[in-house]
Amino acid sequence: MTWKNALIKSLEEWDTKNDDKNMSMRDVSFIIGFPIGLSNSREEWTLSFLEKRIDYLVEKEKMSEKFVVEGLLNEMTSMLDRTISQLGEVIINNEYLQRSAVQAEIEFDFIEEKLTEMKDKNYIFRAEKLVDSWREIVAKNFSLKKRREYEFNEMNKNHQKFKKFAEALPEEDLDKPMNELFDKLKK
């Protein structure tokens, strides 16, 4: 299994355990995918596009798959943690938005509903459940043993690419320094 496949599997597993549909996989894909270049287009807010974006960064931009996936894992964890740690600020901002809407005579019924939901103690319990289930999935799918396996697979894949590249080198390139060969490899 690769880093990317483990991430996608983890997100899918979390989504099946997520019975709180206030946070859809579409939302999650956008929130964690936006920093790595997923666009504002709602059509791209899917795991499939997230997967394609990771592939692009790894294959075209030559970023380490481990680096990209660990960044996305951290972003997902931070995003879930913020649903709890920044709840007070979110409530204050929504109350301000609600007062502004009333003064401007704009009807935003969903704000009142959302405020009521966020102020309910069960909201915290549901948010904690989402965080806990995510942490359990990450602990299982990214244990030390699994990480070592993914690193080995990534190293082996890179070795195979380099071996194929080296076997295809013309005779005149065999005496060139490695930095020139790596420049050629990146193209």
C-alpha atoms as a PDB file:
ATOM      1  CA  MET A   1       0.000   0.000   0.000  1.00  0.00           C
ATOM      2  CA  THR A   2       1.154   3.543  -0.672  1.00  0.00           C
ATOM      3  CA  TRP A   3       0.934   6.666   1.503  1.00  0.00           C
ATOM      4  CA  LYS A   4      -1.786   8.061  -0.757  1.00  0.00           C
ATOM      5  CA  ASN A   5      -3.836   4.867  -0.745  1.00  0.00           C
ATOM      6  CA  ALA A   6      -3.655   4.702   3.059  1.00  0.00           C
ATOM      7  CA  LEU A   7      -4.856   8.308   3.300  1.00  0.00           C
ATOM      8  CA  ILE A   8      -7.790   7.730   0.931  1.00  0.00           C
ATOM      9  CA  LYS A   9      -8.687   4.506   2.747  1.00  0.00           C
ATOM     10  CA  SER A  10      -8.569   6.379   6.079  1.00  0.00           C
ATOM     11  CA  LEU A  11     -10.807   9.176   4.809  1.00  0.00           C
ATOM     12  CA  GLU A  12     -13.314   6.675   3.390  1.00  0.00           C
ATOM     13  CA  GLU A  13     -13.314   4.703   6.647  1.00  0.00           C
ATOM     14  CA  TRP A  14     -13.819   7.879   8.669  1.00  0.00           C
ATOM     15  CA  ASP A  15     -16.693   8.898   6.386  1.00  0.00           C
ATOM     16  CA  THR A  16     -18.485   5.582   6.966  1.00  0.00           C
ATOM     17  CA  LYS A  17     -18.096   6.025  10.740  1.00  0.00           C
ATOM     18  CA  ASN A  18     -19.230   9.661  10.522  1.00  0.00           C
ATOM     19  CA  ASP A  19     -22.933   9.622  11.269  1.00  0.00           C
ATOM     20  CA  ASP A  20     -22.853  13.397  11.847  1.00  0.00           C
ATOM     21  CA  LYS A  21     -23.525  14.590   8.314  1.00  0.00           C
ATOM     22  CA  ASN A  22     -22.791  18.234   9.171  1.00  0.00           C
ATOM     23  CA  MET A  23     -19.334  17.494   7.804  1.00  0.00           C
ATOM     24  CA  SER A  24     -19.531  15.737   4.462  1.00  0.00           C
ATOM     25  CA  MET A  25     -16.629  14.163   2.612  1.00  0.00           C
ATOM     26  CA  ARG A  26     -17.082  16.914   0.014  1.00  0.00           C
ATOM     27  CA  ASP A  27     -16.415  19.523   2.720  1.00  0.00           C
ATOM     28  CA  VAL A  28     -13.440  17.586   4.058  1.00  0.00           C
ATOM     29  CA  SER A  29     -11.967  17.141   0.562  1.00  0.00           C
ATOM     30  CA  PHE A  30     -12.146  20.884   0.003  1.00  0.00           C
ATOM     31  CA  ILE A  31     -10.814  21.898   3.424  1.00  0.00           C
ATOM     32  CA  ILE A  32      -7.761  19.641   3.306  1.00  0.00           C
ATOM     33  CA  GLY A  33      -7.336  19.826  -0.480  1.00  0.00           C
ATOM     34  CA  PHE A  34      -7.447  23.599  -0.909  1.00  0.00           C
ATOM     35  CA  PRO A  35      -3.950  24.188   0.555  1.00  0.00           C
ATOM     36  CA  ILE A  36      -2.462  21.793  -2.009  1.00  0.00           C
ATOM     37  CA  GLY A  37      -4.196  23.374  -4.971  1.00  0.00           C
ATOM     38  CA  LEU A  38      -7.722  21.956  -5.167  1.00  0.00           C
ATOM     39  CA  SER A  39      -9.743  24.698  -6.820  1.00  0.00           C
ATOM     40  CA  ASN A  40     -12.857  26.526  -5.688  1.00  0.00           C
ATOM     41  CA  SER A  41     -14.903  24.470  -8.147  1.00  0.00           C
ATOM     42  CA  ARG A  42     -17.334  22.256  -6.184  1.00  0.00           C
ATOM     43  CA  GLU A  43     -16.885  19.519  -8.800  1.00  0.00           C
ATOM     44  CA  GLU A  44     -13.326  19.081  -7.533  1.00  0.00           C
ATOM     45  CA  TRP A  45     -14.326  18.613  -3.906  1.00  0.00           C
ATOM     46  CA  THR A  46     -14.116  14.823  -4.027  1.00  0.00           C
ATOM     47  CA  LEU A  47     -11.675  12.168  -2.910  1.00  0.00           C
ATOM     48  CA  SER A  48     -11.055  11.378  -6.568  1.00  0.00           C
ATOM     49  CA  PHE A  49      -9.837  14.911  -7.281  1.00  0.00           C
ATOM     50  CA  LEU A  50      -7.838  14.937  -4.048  1.00  0.00           C
ATOM     51  CA  GLU A  51      -6.174  11.724  -5.186  1.00  0.00           C
ATOM     52  CA  LYS A  52      -5.425  13.225  -8.616  1.00  0.00           C
ATOM     53  CA  ARG A  53      -3.952  16.327  -6.984  1.00  0.00           C
ATOM     54  CA  ILE A  54      -1.646  14.190  -4.836  1.00  0.00           C
ATOM     55  CA  ASP A  55      -0.585  12.277  -7.967  1.00  0.00           C
ATOM     56  CA  TYR A  56       0.137  15.561  -9.743  1.00  0.00           C
ATOM     57  CA  LEU A  57       2.270  16.874  -6.874  1.00  0.00           C
ATOM     58  CA  VAL A  58       4.210  13.627  -6.641  1.00  0.00           C
ATOM     59  CA  GLU A  59       4.664  12.920 -10.353  1.00  0.00           C
ATOM     60  CA  LYS A  60       4.878  16.384 -11.901  1.00  0.00           C
ATOM     61  CA  GLU A  61       6.153  18.554  -9.055  1.00  0.00           C
ATOM     62  CA  LYS A  62       8.422  15.782  -7.694  1.00  0.00           C
ATOM     63  CA  MET A  63       7.195  16.164  -4.120  1.00  0.00           C
ATOM     64  CA  SER A  64       7.564  13.281  -1.712  1.00  0.00           C
ATOM     65  CA  GLU A  65       4.328  11.328  -1.390  1.00  0.00           C
ATOM     66  CA  LYS A  66       5.050  10.903   2.324  1.00  0.00           C
ATOM     67  CA  PHE A  67       5.451  14.667   2.736  1.00  0.00           C
ATOM     68  CA  VAL A  68       2.168  15.464   0.958  1.00  0.00           C
ATOM     69  CA  VAL A  69       0.157  12.787   2.774  1.00  0.00           C
ATOM     70  CA  GLU A  70       1.541  13.643   6.208  1.00  0.00           C
ATOM     71  CA  GLY A  71       0.630  17.271   5.550  1.00  0.00           C
ATOM     72  CA  LEU A  72      -2.930  16.246   4.657  1.00  0.00           C
ATOM     73  CA  LEU A  73      -3.171  13.993   7.719  1.00  0.00           C
ATOM     74  CA  ASN A  74      -2.086  16.895   9.910  1.00  0.00           C
ATOM     75  CA  GLU A  75      -4.531  19.267   8.198  1.00  0.00           C
ATOM     76  CA  MET A  76      -7.423  16.836   8.737  1.00  0.00           C
ATOM     77  CA  THR A  77      -6.522  16.375  12.404  1.00  0.00           C
ATOM     78  CA  SER A  78      -6.145  20.137  12.936  1.00  0.00           C
ATOM     79  CA  MET A  79      -9.422  20.852  11.183  1.00  0.00           C
ATOM     80  CA  LEU A  80     -11.269  18.386  13.407  1.00  0.00           C
ATOM     81  CA  ASP A  81      -9.559  19.742  16.531  1.00  0.00           C
ATOM     82  CA  ARG A  82     -10.647  23.277  15.564  1.00  0.00           C
ATOM     83  CA  THR A  83     -14.301  22.220  15.558  1.00  0.00           C
ATOM     84  CA  ILE A  84     -13.894  21.926  19.324  1.00  0.00           C
ATOM     85  CA  SER A  85     -11.152  24.393  20.254  1.00  0.00           C
ATOM     86  CA  GLN A  86     -12.567  27.315  18.272  1.00  0.00           C
ATOM     87  CA  LEU A  87     -16.242  26.662  18.973  1.00  0.00           C
ATOM     88  CA  GLY A  88     -16.617  29.724  21.183  1.00  0.00           C
ATOM     89  CA  GLU A  89     -15.183  32.011  18.524  1.00  0.00           C
ATOM     90  CA  VAL A  90     -17.413  30.473  15.859  1.00  0.00           C
ATOM     91  CA  ILE A  91     -20.487  31.029  18.043  1.00  0.00           C
ATOM     92  CA  ILE A  92     -19.517  34.667  18.658  1.00  0.00           C
ATOM     93  CA  ASN A  93     -18.944  35.239  14.919  1.00  0.00           C
ATOM     94  CA  ASN A  94     -22.289  33.649  14.033  1.00  0.00           C
ATOM     95  CA  GLU A  95     -24.100  35.731  16.643  1.00  0.00           C
ATOM     96  CA  TYR A  96     -22.513  38.851  15.136  1.00  0.00           C
ATOM     97  CA  LEU A  97     -23.549  37.716  11.666  1.00  0.00           C
ATOM     98  CA  GLN A  98     -27.071  37.098  12.925  1.00  0.00           C
ATOM     99  CA  ARG A  99     -27.319  40.586  14.499  1.00  0.00           C
ATOM    100  CA  SER A 100     -25.949  42.138  11.296  1.00  0.00           C
ATOM    101  CA  ALA A 101     -28.491  40.229   9.219  1.00  0.00           C
ATOM    102  CA  VAL A 102     -31.347  41.385  11.475  1.00  0.00           C
ATOM    103  CA  GLN A 103     -30.193  45.019  11.236  1.00  0.00           C
ATOM    104  CA  ALA A 104     -29.923  44.746   7.464  1.00  0.00           C
ATOM    105  CA  GLU A 105     -33.313  42.993   7.363  1.00  0.00           C
ATOM    106  CA  ILE A 106     -31.795  39.956   5.668  1.00  0.00           C
ATOM    107  CA  GLU A 107     -33.276  36.592   6.542  1.00  0.00           C
ATOM    108  CA  PHE A 108     -30.732  33.933   7.487  1.00  0.00           C
ATOM    109  CA  ASP A 109     -32.769  31.227   9.219  1.00  0.00           C
ATOM    110  CA  PHE A 110     -29.922  28.754   9.012  1.00  0.00           C
ATOM    111  CA  ILE A 111     -27.763  30.908  11.314  1.00  0.00           C
ATOM    112  CA  GLU A 112     -30.235  30.589  14.179  1.00  0.00           C
ATOM    113  CA  GLU A 113     -30.475  26.843  13.604  1.00  0.00           C
ATOM    114  CA  LYS A 114     -26.685  26.511  13.501  1.00  0.00           C
ATOM    115  CA  LEU A 115     -26.260  28.599  16.666  1.00  0.00           C
ATOM    116  CA  THR A 116     -28.799  26.485  18.516  1.00  0.00           C
ATOM    117  CA  GLU A 117     -27.020  23.341  17.366  1.00  0.00           C
ATOM    118  CA  MET A 118     -23.536  24.619  18.336  1.00  0.00           C
ATOM    119  CA  LYS A 119     -24.721  25.720  21.784  1.00  0.00           C
ATOM    120  CA  ASP A 120     -26.194  22.305  22.509  1.00  0.00           C
ATOM    121  CA  LYS A 121     -23.877  20.160  24.647  1.00  0.00           C
ATOM    122  CA  ASN A 122     -24.408  17.232  22.271  1.00  0.00           C
ATOM    123  CA  TYR A 123     -22.581  19.208  19.584  1.00  0.00           C
ATOM    124  CA  ILE A 124     -19.345  18.856  21.564  1.00  0.00           C
ATOM    125  CA  PHE A 125     -19.944  15.137  22.072  1.00  0.00           C
ATOM    126  CA  ARG A 126     -20.500  14.634  18.345  1.00  0.00           C
ATOM    127  CA  ALA A 127     -17.402  16.699  17.496  1.00  0.00           C
ATOM    128  CA  GLU A 128     -15.326  14.694  19.980  1.00  0.00           C
ATOM    129  CA  LYS A 129     -16.608  11.476  18.435  1.00  0.00           C
ATOM    130  CA  LEU A 130     -15.449  12.666  15.000  1.00  0.00           C
ATOM    131  CA  VAL A 131     -12.008  13.558  16.368  1.00  0.00           C
ATOM    132  CA  ASP A 132     -11.672  10.288  18.280  1.00  0.00           C
ATOM    133  CA  SER A 133     -12.717   8.127  15.333  1.00  0.00           C
ATOM    134  CA  TRP A 134     -10.243   9.965  13.072  1.00  0.00           C
ATOM    135  CA  ARG A 135      -7.405   9.512  15.574  1.00  0.00           C
ATOM    136  CA  GLU A 136      -8.201   5.788  15.912  1.00  0.00           C
ATOM    137  CA  ILE A 137      -8.172   5.311  12.145  1.00  0.00           C
ATOM    138  CA  VAL A 138      -4.881   7.217  11.767  1.00  0.00           C
ATOM    139  CA  ALA A 139      -3.306   5.244  14.626  1.00  0.00           C
ATOM    140  CA  LYS A 140      -4.272   2.007  12.885  1.00  0.00           C
ATOM    141  CA  ASN A 141      -3.474   2.947   9.264  1.00  0.00           C
ATOM    142  CA  PHE A 142      -0.329   4.985  10.028  1.00  0.00           C
ATOM    143  CA  SER A 143       1.247   2.992  12.839  1.00  0.00           C
ATOM    144  CA  LEU A 144       5.048   2.845  12.973  1.00  0.00           C
ATOM    145  CA  LYS A 145       4.990  -0.537  11.247  1.00  0.00           C
ATOM    146  CA  LYS A 146       2.684   0.722   8.496  1.00  0.00           C
ATOM    147  CA  ARG A 147       4.751   3.886   8.007  1.00  0.00           C
ATOM    148  CA  ARG A 148       7.876   1.769   7.594  1.00  0.00           C
ATOM    149  CA  GLU A 149       6.032  -0.335   5.026  1.00  0.00           C
ATOM    150  CA  TYR A 150       4.927   2.775   3.078  1.00  0.00           C
ATOM    151  CA  GLU A 151       8.472   4.198   3.192  1.00  0.00           C
ATOM    152  CA  PHE A 152       9.897   0.922   1.931  1.00  0.00           C
ATOM    153  CA  ASN A 153       7.329   0.766  -0.888  1.00  0.00           C
ATOM    154  CA  GLU A 154       8.050   4.386  -1.863  1.00  0.00           C
ATOM    155  CA  MET A 155      11.810   3.765  -1.796  1.00  0.00           C
ATOM    156  CA  ASN A 156      11.396   0.612  -3.874  1.00  0.00           C
ATOM    157  CA  LYS A 157       9.216   2.450  -6.403  1.00  0.00           C
ATOM    158  CA  ASN A 158      11.810   5.226  -6.701  1.00  0.00           C
ATOM    159  CA  HIS A 159      14.587   2.658  -7.049  1.00  0.00           C
ATOM    160  CA  GLN A 160      12.718   0.970  -9.907  1.00  0.00           C
ATOM    161  CA  LYS A 161      12.242   4.322 -11.662  1.00  0.00           C
ATOM    162  CA  PHE A 162      15.919   5.157 -11.319  1.00  0.00           C
ATOM    163  CA  LYS A 163      16.974   1.691 -12.459  1.00  0.00           C
ATOM    164  CA  LYS A 164      14.814   2.017 -15.574  1.00  0.00           C
ATOM    165  CA  PHE A 165      16.253   5.495 -16.179  1.00  0.00           C
ATOM    166  CA  ALA A 166      19.855   4.296 -15.699  1.00  0.00           C
ATOM    167  CA  GLU A 167      19.384   1.352 -18.061  1.00  0.00           C
ATOM    168  CA  ALA A 168      18.124   3.730 -20.757  1.00  0.00           C
ATOM    169  CA  LEU A 169      21.112   6.095 -20.503  1.00  0.00           C
ATOM    170  CA  PRO A 170      23.136   6.465 -23.682  1.00  0.00           C
ATOM    171  CA  GLU A 171      26.827   5.588 -23.493  1.00  0.00           C
ATOM    172  CA  GLU A 172      27.931   9.264 -23.526  1.00  0.00           C
ATOM    173  CA  ASP A 173      25.939  10.000 -20.347  1.00  0.00           C
ATOM    174  CA  LEU A 174      27.526   7.275 -18.229  1.00  0.00           C
ATOM    175  CA  ASP A 175      30.442   9.506 -17.151  1.00  0.00           C
ATOM    176  CA  LYS A 176      28.313  12.535 -16.259  1.00  0.00           C
ATOM    177  CA  PRO A 177      27.996  13.696 -12.643  1.00  0.00           C
ATOM    178  CA  MET A 178      24.879  12.680 -10.725  1.00  0.00           C
ATOM    179  CA  ASN A 179      23.484  16.248 -10.570  1.00  0.00           C
ATOM    180  CA  GLU A 180      23.343  16.392 -14.370  1.00  0.00           C
ATOM    181  CA  LEU A 181      21.686  12.996 -14.496  1.00  0.00           C
ATOM    182  CA  PHE A 182      19.125  14.021 -11.870  1.00  0.00           C
ATOM    183  CA  ASP A 183      18.318  17.136 -13.928  1.00  0.00           C
ATOM    184  CA  LYS A 184      17.681  14.840 -16.848  1.00  0.00           C
ATOM    185  CA  LEU A 185      15.626  12.489 -14.705  1.00  0.00           C
ATOM    186  CA  LYS A 186      13.307  15.326 -13.616  1.00  0.00           C
ATOM    187  CA  LYS A 187      12.374  16.057 -17.230  1.00  0.00           C
END
